[in-house]
Each structure stands twice: as structure tokens, then as C-alpha cells.
Amino acid sequence: MPEINFFAHETAVIDEGCIIGNGTQIWHFTHIMSNSILGNDCNIGQNVVVCPNVVLGDNCKVQNNVSIYTGVTCDNDVFLGPSIVFTNVINPRSAINRRGQYSKTHVGKGASIGANATIVCGNDIGDYAFIGAGAVITKRIEPYALIVGNPGRQIGWMSRNGQRLTFNKDGYAECSESNDWYKLNEECVSFLGKNK
């Protein structure tokens, strides 16, 4: 029998067929459903539901009361704030079974989603995007985009460190925390590192 290298609180429920990485912690009253994959060093908060076949990369932080439904995949270093909800059916009806018609949603590396946000299914979120608290996501989100409101609208750009970027007339911005540089090209941002 393989050695278990993760922590699960005694009240957590982990179904058959799950793969859970080394160093991952699963807290009170959380349910990890069948065939889900959780990477290394994840922290899954209290009262979280991870539905079948969900995939979380390494070092994902899932805060309390989050629902992650079938069809969702998250890359490494994703932050999911308290009480956020993913959907997986675009037109639900109680009287109609849509099981097997789930839409997919992908959350890119390093993205952060704030408390109480709702992610309408089928709308991918780019690497290092920053979704503000309470936002409702109804379309694809570009990497590094800063999104707020209902429906979600872009109000700026964020660095990999989570600092708001201010671009100069030549389209360059420096992160105030890391001193990394970014370039704005039309409607997308490129990461340049220490040298612009």
C-alpha cells in the first residue's frame, strides 16, 4: 500500500479513485469526490466541495466554502477565495438531466479569484489574472487582467506579484514589489522579467 503523504482532517470525506499530492492539506467537512486530482502542497479549506474529475495543480489555495464542479481545471499556484462558485451547466433546469453536458472552465497558472466571485462555465481565466471579490465572470479573461463587477469588466492589469500595473506612454510597466517589467501590446500583456 502506498505511503500517504497528505493530511486530511477526520471529518473530511475522500472518495475512491482520487489522487492527492504530497504535502496537501484537506480541512474540516470537505468532500473530495471520485477521480479528482489534487497536486502537491495544496491547501483545501473547510466545507469545500471538489466534484468528480476536477484537477488542481500544485500549490493551489482553496479557501472555505468553495464549490469546484466537474469540468474545472486549475493550473499551479491558483488562489480560490472564500465562497467562490464555479458553474458547469449553462442552462440548468431541475426537470432536465444535463449530466454529461458539462462545460469546461480552465484557470491559468497564478490566477487569483476573490471572495464570492461566480465563474460562469465555459469561460477560461488567463495566467495571473486577478478576479475581484464578488465579480461575475461571463467571458474569457486575458492573462494579467484585473476584473471587477457584475458582469465582470476589466479595469486594468496586475503583475505576477498581485500589484496593479501602470503603463508608461511606451507601453512598459514595472511591478512595485518585484521590479519585474511588463509590456502592453494592444490588448495583452507580456512578462519581460528584470530587463525591458
N, C-alpha and C. Protein backbone atom coordinates (compact mmCIF):
# COMPACT_ATOMS: atom_id res chain seq x y z
N MET A 1 0.85 -1.19 0.00
CA MET A 1 0.00 0.00 0.00
C MET A 1 0.88 1.24 0.00
N PRO A 2 0.59 2.24 -0.89
CA PRO A 2 1.45 3.43 -0.96
C PRO A 2 1.36 4.27 0.30
N GLU A 3 2.46 4.91 0.61
CA GLU A 3 2.52 5.80 1.78
C GLU A 3 1.67 7.05 1.51
N ILE A 4 0.90 7.46 2.54
CA ILE A 4 0.07 8.65 2.43
C ILE A 4 0.87 9.84 2.93
N ASN A 5 1.08 10.82 2.05
CA ASN A 5 1.90 11.98 2.39
C ASN A 5 1.10 13.27 2.37
N PHE A 6 -0.20 13.19 2.64
CA PHE A 6 -1.03 14.38 2.75
C PHE A 6 -1.80 14.30 4.05
N PHE A 7 -2.37 15.44 4.46
CA PHE A 7 -3.18 15.49 5.68
C PHE A 7 -4.64 15.69 5.32
N ALA A 8 -5.52 14.91 5.93
CA ALA A 8 -6.96 15.10 5.81
C ALA A 8 -7.56 15.09 7.21
N HIS A 9 -8.30 16.13 7.55
CA HIS A 9 -8.98 16.17 8.84
C HIS A 9 -9.95 15.00 8.95
N GLU A 10 -10.20 14.54 10.16
CA GLU A 10 -11.03 13.36 10.36
C GLU A 10 -12.46 13.53 9.85
N THR A 11 -12.93 14.77 9.69
CA THR A 11 -14.28 14.99 9.17
C THR A 11 -14.32 15.10 7.64
N ALA A 12 -13.17 15.14 6.99
CA ALA A 12 -13.14 15.22 5.53
C ALA A 12 -13.53 13.87 4.93
N VAL A 13 -14.17 13.92 3.76
CA VAL A 13 -14.55 12.71 3.04
C VAL A 13 -13.80 12.70 1.72
N ILE A 14 -13.06 11.62 1.47
CA ILE A 14 -12.31 11.48 0.22
C ILE A 14 -12.77 10.19 -0.45
N ASP A 15 -13.37 10.33 -1.63
CA ASP A 15 -13.93 9.19 -2.34
C ASP A 15 -12.84 8.37 -3.02
N GLU A 16 -13.26 7.20 -3.50
CA GLU A 16 -12.35 6.30 -4.21
C GLU A 16 -11.83 6.95 -5.49
N GLY A 17 -10.59 6.61 -5.83
CA GLY A 17 -10.04 7.00 -7.12
C GLY A 17 -9.40 8.36 -7.17
N CYS A 18 -9.33 9.06 -6.03
CA CYS A 18 -8.70 10.38 -6.02
C CYS A 18 -7.18 10.24 -5.95
N ILE A 19 -6.50 11.21 -6.53
CA ILE A 19 -5.05 11.30 -6.41
C ILE A 19 -4.75 12.60 -5.69
N ILE A 20 -4.04 12.51 -4.57
CA ILE A 20 -3.75 13.68 -3.74
C ILE A 20 -2.25 13.77 -3.54
N GLY A 21 -1.68 14.93 -3.87
CA GLY A 21 -0.24 15.11 -3.87
C GLY A 21 0.36 15.26 -2.48
N ASN A 22 1.68 15.14 -2.45
CA ASN A 22 2.44 15.27 -1.21
C ASN A 22 2.27 16.66 -0.60
N GLY A 23 2.11 16.69 0.71
CA GLY A 23 2.04 17.95 1.43
C GLY A 23 0.71 18.65 1.37
N THR A 24 -0.26 18.11 0.66
CA THR A 24 -1.59 18.73 0.57
C THR A 24 -2.32 18.57 1.89
N GLN A 25 -3.09 19.60 2.27
CA GLN A 25 -3.87 19.60 3.49
C GLN A 25 -5.35 19.79 3.15
N ILE A 26 -6.20 18.95 3.73
CA ILE A 26 -7.64 18.98 3.48
C ILE A 26 -8.33 19.14 4.82
N TRP A 27 -9.12 20.20 4.96
CA TRP A 27 -9.64 20.58 6.28
C TRP A 27 -11.09 20.17 6.50
N HIS A 28 -11.66 20.63 7.61
CA HIS A 28 -12.93 20.16 8.17
C HIS A 28 -14.08 20.15 7.15
N PHE A 29 -14.85 19.05 7.16
CA PHE A 29 -16.13 18.94 6.45
C PHE A 29 -16.01 19.13 4.95
N THR A 30 -14.85 18.85 4.41
CA THR A 30 -14.62 18.97 2.97
C THR A 30 -14.84 17.61 2.31
N HIS A 31 -15.38 17.65 1.09
CA HIS A 31 -15.64 16.42 0.33
C HIS A 31 -14.87 16.47 -0.98
N ILE A 32 -13.95 15.54 -1.13
CA ILE A 32 -13.21 15.37 -2.38
C ILE A 32 -13.82 14.16 -3.08
N MET A 33 -14.50 14.42 -4.21
CA MET A 33 -15.27 13.37 -4.86
C MET A 33 -14.41 12.56 -5.84
N SER A 34 -14.96 11.47 -6.34
CA SER A 34 -14.22 10.45 -7.06
C SER A 34 -13.42 10.99 -8.24
N ASN A 35 -12.24 10.42 -8.39
CA ASN A 35 -11.36 10.65 -9.54
C ASN A 35 -10.88 12.09 -9.67
N SER A 36 -10.93 12.86 -8.59
CA SER A 36 -10.33 14.18 -8.61
C SER A 36 -8.83 14.07 -8.40
N ILE A 37 -8.11 15.06 -8.92
CA ILE A 37 -6.66 15.10 -8.78
C ILE A 37 -6.28 16.41 -8.12
N LEU A 38 -5.61 16.33 -6.98
CA LEU A 38 -5.10 17.50 -6.27
C LEU A 38 -3.58 17.39 -6.26
N GLY A 39 -2.91 18.46 -6.69
CA GLY A 39 -1.45 18.45 -6.79
C GLY A 39 -0.77 18.50 -5.44
N ASN A 40 0.54 18.69 -5.48
CA ASN A 40 1.35 18.78 -4.27
C ASN A 40 1.12 20.12 -3.57
N ASP A 41 1.20 20.10 -2.25
CA ASP A 41 1.22 21.31 -1.41
C ASP A 41 -0.01 22.20 -1.59
N CYS A 42 -1.15 21.61 -1.88
CA CYS A 42 -2.41 22.37 -1.92
C CYS A 42 -2.94 22.52 -0.51
N ASN A 43 -3.75 23.56 -0.31
CA ASN A 43 -4.44 23.76 0.97
C ASN A 43 -5.92 23.91 0.65
N ILE A 44 -6.71 22.94 1.08
CA ILE A 44 -8.14 22.90 0.80
C ILE A 44 -8.87 23.22 2.10
N GLY A 45 -9.56 24.35 2.13
CA GLY A 45 -10.17 24.85 3.37
C GLY A 45 -11.37 24.06 3.83
N GLN A 46 -12.10 24.64 4.79
CA GLN A 46 -13.26 23.98 5.38
C GLN A 46 -14.48 24.07 4.46
N ASN A 47 -15.29 23.00 4.50
CA ASN A 47 -16.59 22.98 3.81
C ASN A 47 -16.45 23.21 2.31
N VAL A 48 -15.41 22.64 1.71
CA VAL A 48 -15.18 22.72 0.27
C VAL A 48 -15.73 21.47 -0.40
N VAL A 49 -16.30 21.64 -1.59
CA VAL A 49 -16.73 20.50 -2.40
C VAL A 49 -15.91 20.50 -3.68
N VAL A 50 -15.20 19.41 -3.90
CA VAL A 50 -14.46 19.19 -5.14
C VAL A 50 -15.14 18.03 -5.85
N CYS A 51 -15.82 18.31 -6.95
CA CYS A 51 -16.64 17.31 -7.64
C CYS A 51 -15.78 16.35 -8.47
N PRO A 52 -16.38 15.27 -8.97
CA PRO A 52 -15.61 14.27 -9.70
C PRO A 52 -14.83 14.86 -10.88
N ASN A 53 -13.61 14.35 -11.05
CA ASN A 53 -12.75 14.64 -12.20
C ASN A 53 -12.20 16.06 -12.23
N VAL A 54 -12.34 16.82 -11.17
CA VAL A 54 -11.70 18.13 -11.08
C VAL A 54 -10.19 17.94 -10.98
N VAL A 55 -9.42 18.86 -11.55
CA VAL A 55 -7.97 18.80 -11.48
C VAL A 55 -7.45 20.12 -10.93
N LEU A 56 -6.68 20.04 -9.84
CA LEU A 56 -5.98 21.20 -9.28
C LEU A 56 -4.48 20.94 -9.37
N GLY A 57 -3.73 21.94 -9.83
CA GLY A 57 -2.29 21.82 -9.92
C GLY A 57 -1.62 21.93 -8.55
N ASP A 58 -0.31 22.07 -8.55
CA ASP A 58 0.46 22.20 -7.31
C ASP A 58 0.21 23.57 -6.67
N ASN A 59 0.29 23.59 -5.34
CA ASN A 59 0.28 24.83 -4.57
C ASN A 59 -0.99 25.67 -4.79
N CYS A 60 -2.12 25.02 -5.01
CA CYS A 60 -3.39 25.74 -5.11
C CYS A 60 -3.93 25.97 -3.70
N LYS A 61 -4.47 27.16 -3.49
CA LYS A 61 -5.07 27.52 -2.20
C LYS A 61 -6.56 27.69 -2.41
N VAL A 62 -7.36 26.85 -1.75
CA VAL A 62 -8.81 26.89 -1.87
C VAL A 62 -9.37 27.27 -0.50
N GLN A 63 -9.98 28.43 -0.41
CA GLN A 63 -10.48 28.92 0.87
C GLN A 63 -11.82 28.27 1.22
N ASN A 64 -12.36 28.59 2.39
CA ASN A 64 -13.57 27.94 2.89
C ASN A 64 -14.78 28.14 1.98
N ASN A 65 -15.65 27.13 1.96
CA ASN A 65 -16.98 27.18 1.33
C ASN A 65 -16.93 27.34 -0.19
N VAL A 66 -15.90 26.81 -0.83
CA VAL A 66 -15.78 26.89 -2.29
C VAL A 66 -16.37 25.63 -2.92
N SER A 67 -17.09 25.81 -4.04
CA SER A 67 -17.62 24.69 -4.81
C SER A 67 -16.91 24.64 -6.16
N ILE A 68 -16.22 23.53 -6.42
CA ILE A 68 -15.50 23.34 -7.68
C ILE A 68 -16.15 22.17 -8.41
N TYR A 69 -16.88 22.46 -9.48
CA TYR A 69 -17.69 21.45 -10.14
C TYR A 69 -16.94 20.76 -11.27
N THR A 70 -17.44 19.59 -11.65
CA THR A 70 -16.87 18.81 -12.73
C THR A 70 -16.72 19.67 -13.98
N GLY A 71 -15.56 19.58 -14.62
CA GLY A 71 -15.27 20.39 -15.80
C GLY A 71 -14.25 21.47 -15.52
N VAL A 72 -13.92 21.69 -14.24
CA VAL A 72 -12.96 22.73 -13.86
C VAL A 72 -11.56 22.13 -13.74
N THR A 73 -10.59 22.83 -14.33
CA THR A 73 -9.18 22.51 -14.11
C THR A 73 -8.45 23.79 -13.73
N CYS A 74 -7.52 23.66 -12.80
CA CYS A 74 -6.71 24.80 -12.36
C CYS A 74 -5.24 24.43 -12.48
N ASP A 75 -4.45 25.35 -13.04
CA ASP A 75 -3.01 25.15 -13.11
C ASP A 75 -2.37 25.40 -11.74
N ASN A 76 -1.05 25.36 -11.68
CA ASN A 76 -0.32 25.59 -10.43
C ASN A 76 -0.56 26.99 -9.88
N ASP A 77 -0.49 27.12 -8.56
CA ASP A 77 -0.45 28.41 -7.85
C ASP A 77 -1.74 29.22 -7.98
N VAL A 78 -2.87 28.57 -8.16
CA VAL A 78 -4.16 29.26 -8.26
C VAL A 78 -4.70 29.51 -6.86
N PHE A 79 -5.26 30.72 -6.66
CA PHE A 79 -5.91 31.09 -5.40
C PHE A 79 -7.40 31.22 -5.64
N LEU A 80 -8.19 30.44 -4.88
CA LEU A 80 -9.65 30.49 -4.96
C LEU A 80 -10.18 31.00 -3.63
N GLY A 81 -10.70 32.23 -3.63
CA GLY A 81 -11.12 32.90 -2.41
C GLY A 81 -12.38 32.30 -1.78
N PRO A 82 -12.69 32.73 -0.56
CA PRO A 82 -13.82 32.16 0.18
C PRO A 82 -15.14 32.27 -0.58
N SER A 83 -15.89 31.18 -0.58
CA SER A 83 -17.27 31.13 -1.09
C SER A 83 -17.39 31.39 -2.58
N ILE A 84 -16.32 31.24 -3.36
CA ILE A 84 -16.50 31.36 -4.80
C ILE A 84 -17.19 30.12 -5.33
N VAL A 85 -17.85 30.27 -6.49
CA VAL A 85 -18.59 29.17 -7.09
C VAL A 85 -18.27 29.10 -8.58
N PHE A 86 -17.96 27.91 -9.03
CA PHE A 86 -17.90 27.61 -10.46
C PHE A 86 -19.23 26.98 -10.85
N THR A 87 -19.69 27.24 -12.07
CA THR A 87 -20.84 26.50 -12.59
C THR A 87 -20.34 25.55 -13.65
N ASN A 88 -21.20 24.60 -14.07
CA ASN A 88 -20.77 23.71 -15.15
C ASN A 88 -21.87 23.40 -16.16
N VAL A 89 -23.04 24.00 -15.97
CA VAL A 89 -24.13 23.87 -16.94
C VAL A 89 -24.64 25.28 -17.24
N ILE A 90 -24.72 25.63 -18.51
CA ILE A 90 -25.08 26.99 -18.89
C ILE A 90 -26.58 27.24 -18.80
N ASN A 91 -27.39 26.19 -18.91
CA ASN A 91 -28.85 26.35 -18.91
C ASN A 91 -29.53 25.31 -18.04
N PRO A 92 -29.28 25.32 -16.72
CA PRO A 92 -29.82 24.28 -15.85
C PRO A 92 -31.34 24.36 -15.71
N ARG A 93 -31.97 23.20 -15.65
CA ARG A 93 -33.37 23.05 -15.32
C ARG A 93 -33.50 21.84 -14.40
N SER A 94 -34.26 21.98 -13.34
CA SER A 94 -34.41 20.88 -12.40
C SER A 94 -35.01 19.64 -13.06
N ALA A 95 -35.93 19.84 -13.99
CA ALA A 95 -36.64 18.71 -14.60
C ALA A 95 -35.88 18.06 -15.75
N ILE A 96 -34.73 18.65 -16.15
CA ILE A 96 -33.97 18.12 -17.28
C ILE A 96 -32.58 17.72 -16.80
N ASN A 97 -32.23 16.47 -17.03
CA ASN A 97 -30.93 15.96 -16.63
C ASN A 97 -29.88 16.36 -17.67
N ARG A 98 -28.94 17.20 -17.27
CA ARG A 98 -27.88 17.64 -18.18
C ARG A 98 -26.53 16.99 -17.81
N ARG A 99 -26.57 15.96 -17.02
CA ARG A 99 -25.34 15.26 -16.66
C ARG A 99 -24.67 14.75 -17.93
N GLY A 100 -23.38 14.98 -18.02
CA GLY A 100 -22.65 14.60 -19.22
C GLY A 100 -22.57 15.71 -20.25
N GLN A 101 -23.24 16.85 -19.97
CA GLN A 101 -23.19 18.00 -20.88
C GLN A 101 -22.42 19.16 -20.22
N TYR A 102 -21.51 18.83 -19.32
CA TYR A 102 -20.81 19.87 -18.57
C TYR A 102 -19.86 20.67 -19.44
N SER A 103 -19.88 21.98 -19.28
CA SER A 103 -18.92 22.86 -19.94
C SER A 103 -17.63 22.89 -19.14
N LYS A 104 -16.53 23.12 -19.83
CA LYS A 104 -15.22 23.14 -19.18
C LYS A 104 -14.79 24.58 -18.89
N THR A 105 -14.09 24.73 -17.78
CA THR A 105 -13.50 26.02 -17.40
C THR A 105 -12.08 25.76 -16.95
N HIS A 106 -11.14 26.53 -17.51
CA HIS A 106 -9.74 26.38 -17.15
C HIS A 106 -9.24 27.66 -16.49
N VAL A 107 -8.57 27.51 -15.34
CA VAL A 107 -7.98 28.65 -14.63
C VAL A 107 -6.47 28.54 -14.76
N GLY A 108 -5.86 29.59 -15.34
CA GLY A 108 -4.44 29.56 -15.65
C GLY A 108 -3.54 29.73 -14.43
N LYS A 109 -2.28 29.45 -14.64
CA LYS A 109 -1.26 29.49 -13.60
C LYS A 109 -1.25 30.85 -12.89
N GLY A 110 -1.23 30.80 -11.54
CA GLY A 110 -1.05 32.00 -10.74
C GLY A 110 -2.26 32.91 -10.65
N ALA A 111 -3.39 32.53 -11.25
CA ALA A 111 -4.58 33.38 -11.21
C ALA A 111 -5.15 33.42 -9.79
N SER A 112 -5.79 34.55 -9.45
CA SER A 112 -6.46 34.71 -8.15
C SER A 112 -7.91 35.08 -8.39
N ILE A 113 -8.81 34.43 -7.64
CA ILE A 113 -10.24 34.72 -7.73
C ILE A 113 -10.72 35.11 -6.34
N GLY A 114 -11.26 36.32 -6.21
CA GLY A 114 -11.64 36.86 -4.91
C GLY A 114 -12.93 36.28 -4.35
N ALA A 115 -13.16 36.56 -3.08
CA ALA A 115 -14.29 36.02 -2.33
C ALA A 115 -15.62 36.29 -3.03
N ASN A 116 -16.49 35.28 -3.01
CA ASN A 116 -17.86 35.37 -3.51
C ASN A 116 -17.98 35.59 -5.01
N ALA A 117 -16.90 35.43 -5.75
CA ALA A 117 -16.99 35.52 -7.22
C ALA A 117 -17.72 34.30 -7.76
N THR A 118 -18.36 34.49 -8.92
CA THR A 118 -19.01 33.40 -9.64
C THR A 118 -18.39 33.29 -11.02
N ILE A 119 -17.99 32.07 -11.39
CA ILE A 119 -17.38 31.84 -12.69
C ILE A 119 -18.38 31.05 -13.53
N VAL A 120 -19.02 31.72 -14.49
CA VAL A 120 -19.96 31.05 -15.38
C VAL A 120 -19.17 30.12 -16.29
N CYS A 121 -19.64 28.90 -16.43
CA CYS A 121 -18.87 27.85 -17.09
C CYS A 121 -18.56 28.18 -18.55
N GLY A 122 -17.45 27.61 -19.01
CA GLY A 122 -17.02 27.79 -20.38
C GLY A 122 -16.17 29.02 -20.61
N ASN A 123 -15.86 29.75 -19.56
CA ASN A 123 -15.08 30.99 -19.68
C ASN A 123 -13.73 30.81 -18.99
N ASP A 124 -12.68 30.61 -19.77
CA ASP A 124 -11.36 30.39 -19.22
C ASP A 124 -10.78 31.67 -18.63
N ILE A 125 -9.92 31.50 -17.63
CA ILE A 125 -9.27 32.61 -16.94
C ILE A 125 -7.77 32.49 -17.19
N GLY A 126 -7.17 33.54 -17.74
CA GLY A 126 -5.77 33.50 -18.14
C GLY A 126 -4.80 33.50 -16.97
N ASP A 127 -3.55 33.16 -17.28
CA ASP A 127 -2.48 33.14 -16.28
C ASP A 127 -2.40 34.48 -15.55
N TYR A 128 -2.28 34.43 -14.25
CA TYR A 128 -2.05 35.58 -13.37
C TYR A 128 -3.17 36.62 -13.44
N ALA A 129 -4.32 36.27 -13.99
CA ALA A 129 -5.47 37.18 -13.93
C ALA A 129 -5.87 37.36 -12.48
N PHE A 130 -6.54 38.47 -12.21
CA PHE A 130 -6.96 38.81 -10.84
C PHE A 130 -8.44 39.17 -10.89
N ILE A 131 -9.27 38.31 -10.32
CA ILE A 131 -10.73 38.50 -10.32
C ILE A 131 -11.12 39.06 -8.96
N GLY A 132 -11.69 40.27 -8.94
CA GLY A 132 -12.05 40.93 -7.69
C GLY A 132 -13.19 40.24 -6.97
N ALA A 133 -13.30 40.51 -5.68
CA ALA A 133 -14.36 39.93 -4.85
C ALA A 133 -15.73 40.24 -5.43
N GLY A 134 -16.59 39.23 -5.50
CA GLY A 134 -17.96 39.41 -5.94
C GLY A 134 -18.15 39.51 -7.43
N ALA A 135 -17.09 39.46 -8.21
CA ALA A 135 -17.23 39.58 -9.67
C ALA A 135 -17.97 38.37 -10.24
N VAL A 136 -18.67 38.60 -11.35
CA VAL A 136 -19.33 37.51 -12.07
C VAL A 136 -18.69 37.43 -13.45
N ILE A 137 -18.05 36.31 -13.72
CA ILE A 137 -17.28 36.14 -14.96
C ILE A 137 -18.16 35.50 -16.02
N THR A 138 -18.37 36.23 -17.11
CA THR A 138 -19.27 35.79 -18.18
C THR A 138 -18.57 35.70 -19.53
N LYS A 139 -17.24 35.89 -19.55
CA LYS A 139 -16.49 35.78 -20.80
C LYS A 139 -15.04 35.40 -20.48
N ARG A 140 -14.29 35.06 -21.51
CA ARG A 140 -12.88 34.68 -21.35
C ARG A 140 -12.09 35.86 -20.81
N ILE A 141 -11.15 35.57 -19.89
CA ILE A 141 -10.35 36.60 -19.24
C ILE A 141 -8.90 36.47 -19.69
N GLU A 142 -8.32 37.59 -20.13
CA GLU A 142 -6.93 37.61 -20.60
C GLU A 142 -5.94 37.43 -19.44
N PRO A 143 -4.76 36.88 -19.73
CA PRO A 143 -3.72 36.83 -18.71
C PRO A 143 -3.41 38.22 -18.15
N TYR A 144 -3.17 38.29 -16.86
CA TYR A 144 -2.80 39.51 -16.13
C TYR A 144 -3.95 40.52 -15.99
N ALA A 145 -5.13 40.23 -16.49
CA ALA A 145 -6.24 41.19 -16.44
C ALA A 145 -6.76 41.34 -15.02
N LEU A 146 -7.16 42.56 -14.66
CA LEU A 146 -7.82 42.87 -13.40
C LEU A 146 -9.30 43.08 -13.68
N ILE A 147 -10.15 42.24 -13.07
CA ILE A 147 -11.58 42.21 -13.38
C ILE A 147 -12.39 42.48 -12.12
N VAL A 148 -13.41 43.35 -12.23
CA VAL A 148 -14.32 43.61 -11.12
C VAL A 148 -15.75 43.70 -11.64
N GLY A 149 -16.73 43.56 -10.74
CA GLY A 149 -18.11 43.88 -11.05
C GLY A 149 -18.95 42.74 -11.57
N ASN A 150 -20.24 43.08 -11.81
CA ASN A 150 -21.24 42.14 -12.30
C ASN A 150 -22.04 42.81 -13.42
N PRO A 151 -21.84 42.38 -14.68
CA PRO A 151 -20.88 41.36 -15.09
C PRO A 151 -19.45 41.87 -14.99
N GLY A 152 -18.50 40.95 -14.90
CA GLY A 152 -17.10 41.34 -14.75
C GLY A 152 -16.61 42.18 -15.90
N ARG A 153 -15.88 43.24 -15.58
CA ARG A 153 -15.29 44.10 -16.61
C ARG A 153 -13.84 44.38 -16.22
N GLN A 154 -13.01 44.56 -17.23
CA GLN A 154 -11.59 44.79 -16.98
C GLN A 154 -11.35 46.26 -16.67
N ILE A 155 -10.60 46.49 -15.56
CA ILE A 155 -10.27 47.87 -15.18
C ILE A 155 -8.77 48.12 -15.16
N GLY A 156 -7.98 47.11 -15.51
CA GLY A 156 -6.53 47.28 -15.51
C GLY A 156 -5.81 45.96 -15.65
N TRP A 157 -4.54 45.99 -15.22
CA TRP A 157 -3.65 44.83 -15.33
C TRP A 157 -2.92 44.63 -14.01
N MET A 158 -2.58 43.38 -13.71
CA MET A 158 -1.89 43.03 -12.47
C MET A 158 -0.59 42.29 -12.78
N SER A 159 0.39 42.46 -11.91
CA SER A 159 1.66 41.74 -12.05
C SER A 159 1.53 40.34 -11.48
N ARG A 160 2.56 39.54 -11.69
CA ARG A 160 2.59 38.19 -11.11
C ARG A 160 2.56 38.25 -9.59
N ASN A 161 3.03 39.35 -9.01
CA ASN A 161 3.04 39.51 -7.56
C ASN A 161 1.73 40.08 -7.02
N GLY A 162 0.77 40.36 -7.90
CA GLY A 162 -0.51 40.89 -7.44
C GLY A 162 -0.50 42.38 -7.21
N GLN A 163 0.38 43.10 -7.90
CA GLN A 163 0.42 44.56 -7.82
C GLN A 163 -0.16 45.14 -9.11
N ARG A 164 -0.93 46.22 -8.97
CA ARG A 164 -1.52 46.85 -10.14
C ARG A 164 -0.43 47.51 -10.98
N LEU A 165 -0.52 47.33 -12.29
CA LEU A 165 0.48 47.85 -13.22
C LEU A 165 0.01 49.17 -13.84
N THR A 166 0.92 50.13 -13.90
CA THR A 166 0.67 51.40 -14.58
C THR A 166 1.65 51.51 -15.73
N PHE A 167 1.13 51.52 -16.95
CA PHE A 167 1.98 51.51 -18.14
C PHE A 167 2.33 52.93 -18.57
N ASN A 168 3.60 53.15 -18.95
CA ASN A 168 4.02 54.45 -19.45
C ASN A 168 3.61 54.61 -20.91
N LYS A 169 3.92 55.75 -21.51
CA LYS A 169 3.49 56.05 -22.88
C LYS A 169 4.07 55.06 -23.90
N ASP A 170 5.17 54.41 -23.54
CA ASP A 170 5.78 53.43 -24.44
C ASP A 170 5.24 52.01 -24.22
N GLY A 171 4.30 51.88 -23.27
CA GLY A 171 3.67 50.59 -23.04
C GLY A 171 4.41 49.68 -22.09
N TYR A 172 5.30 50.24 -21.23
CA TYR A 172 6.03 49.44 -20.26
C TYR A 172 5.55 49.76 -18.85
N ALA A 173 5.58 48.74 -17.97
CA ALA A 173 5.24 48.94 -16.56
C ALA A 173 6.17 48.09 -15.71
N GLU A 174 6.53 48.62 -14.54
CA GLU A 174 7.38 47.91 -13.60
C GLU A 174 6.56 47.55 -12.37
N CYS A 175 6.65 46.30 -11.92
CA CYS A 175 5.96 45.87 -10.70
C CYS A 175 6.63 46.52 -9.50
N SER A 176 5.85 47.16 -8.65
CA SER A 176 6.39 47.87 -7.49
C SER A 176 6.97 46.93 -6.44
N GLU A 177 6.61 45.68 -6.49
CA GLU A 177 7.10 44.72 -5.49
C GLU A 177 8.31 43.94 -5.98
N SER A 178 8.26 43.44 -7.21
CA SER A 178 9.32 42.56 -7.71
C SER A 178 10.34 43.27 -8.59
N ASN A 179 9.99 44.48 -9.09
CA ASN A 179 10.79 45.21 -10.07
C ASN A 179 10.89 44.49 -11.41
N ASP A 180 9.98 43.54 -11.66
CA ASP A 180 9.88 42.93 -12.98
C ASP A 180 9.15 43.89 -13.92
N TRP A 181 9.46 43.75 -15.22
CA TRP A 181 8.87 44.61 -16.23
C TRP A 181 7.85 43.86 -17.07
N TYR A 182 6.86 44.61 -17.54
CA TYR A 182 5.78 44.09 -18.38
C TYR A 182 5.59 45.02 -19.57
N LYS A 183 5.12 44.44 -20.68
CA LYS A 183 4.87 45.22 -21.89
C LYS A 183 3.42 45.02 -22.33
N LEU A 184 2.73 46.15 -22.59
CA LEU A 184 1.36 46.12 -23.08
C LEU A 184 1.39 46.17 -24.60
N ASN A 185 0.85 45.12 -25.22
CA ASN A 185 0.78 45.02 -26.68
C ASN A 185 -0.69 44.92 -27.08
N GLU A 186 -1.23 46.01 -27.62
CA GLU A 186 -2.65 46.06 -27.98
C GLU A 186 -3.48 45.69 -26.76
N GLU A 187 -4.09 44.47 -26.74
CA GLU A 187 -4.95 44.11 -25.61
C GLU A 187 -4.40 42.93 -24.81
N CYS A 188 -3.09 42.77 -24.78
CA CYS A 188 -2.50 41.71 -23.97
C CYS A 188 -1.19 42.21 -23.35
N VAL A 189 -0.76 41.53 -22.29
CA VAL A 189 0.43 41.90 -21.56
C VAL A 189 1.46 40.78 -21.65
N SER A 190 2.71 41.15 -21.86
CA SER A 190 3.82 40.20 -21.88
C SER A 190 4.72 40.44 -20.65
N PHE A 191 5.18 39.36 -20.07
CA PHE A 191 6.12 39.40 -18.95
C PHE A 191 7.53 39.48 -19.50
N LEU A 192 8.31 40.47 -19.07
CA LEU A 192 9.67 40.67 -19.56
C LEU A 192 10.74 40.28 -18.55
N GLY A 193 10.41 40.20 -17.28
CA GLY A 193 11.40 39.93 -16.25
C GLY A 193 12.11 41.19 -15.82
N LYS A 194 13.37 41.08 -15.43
CA LYS A 194 14.10 42.21 -14.85
C LYS A 194 14.54 43.25 -15.89
N ASN A 195 14.60 42.85 -17.13
CA ASN A 195 15.08 43.78 -18.17
C ASN A 195 13.98 44.04 -19.19
N LYS A 196 13.79 45.33 -19.51
CA LYS A 196 12.78 45.63 -20.53
C LYS A 196 13.41 45.82 -21.89
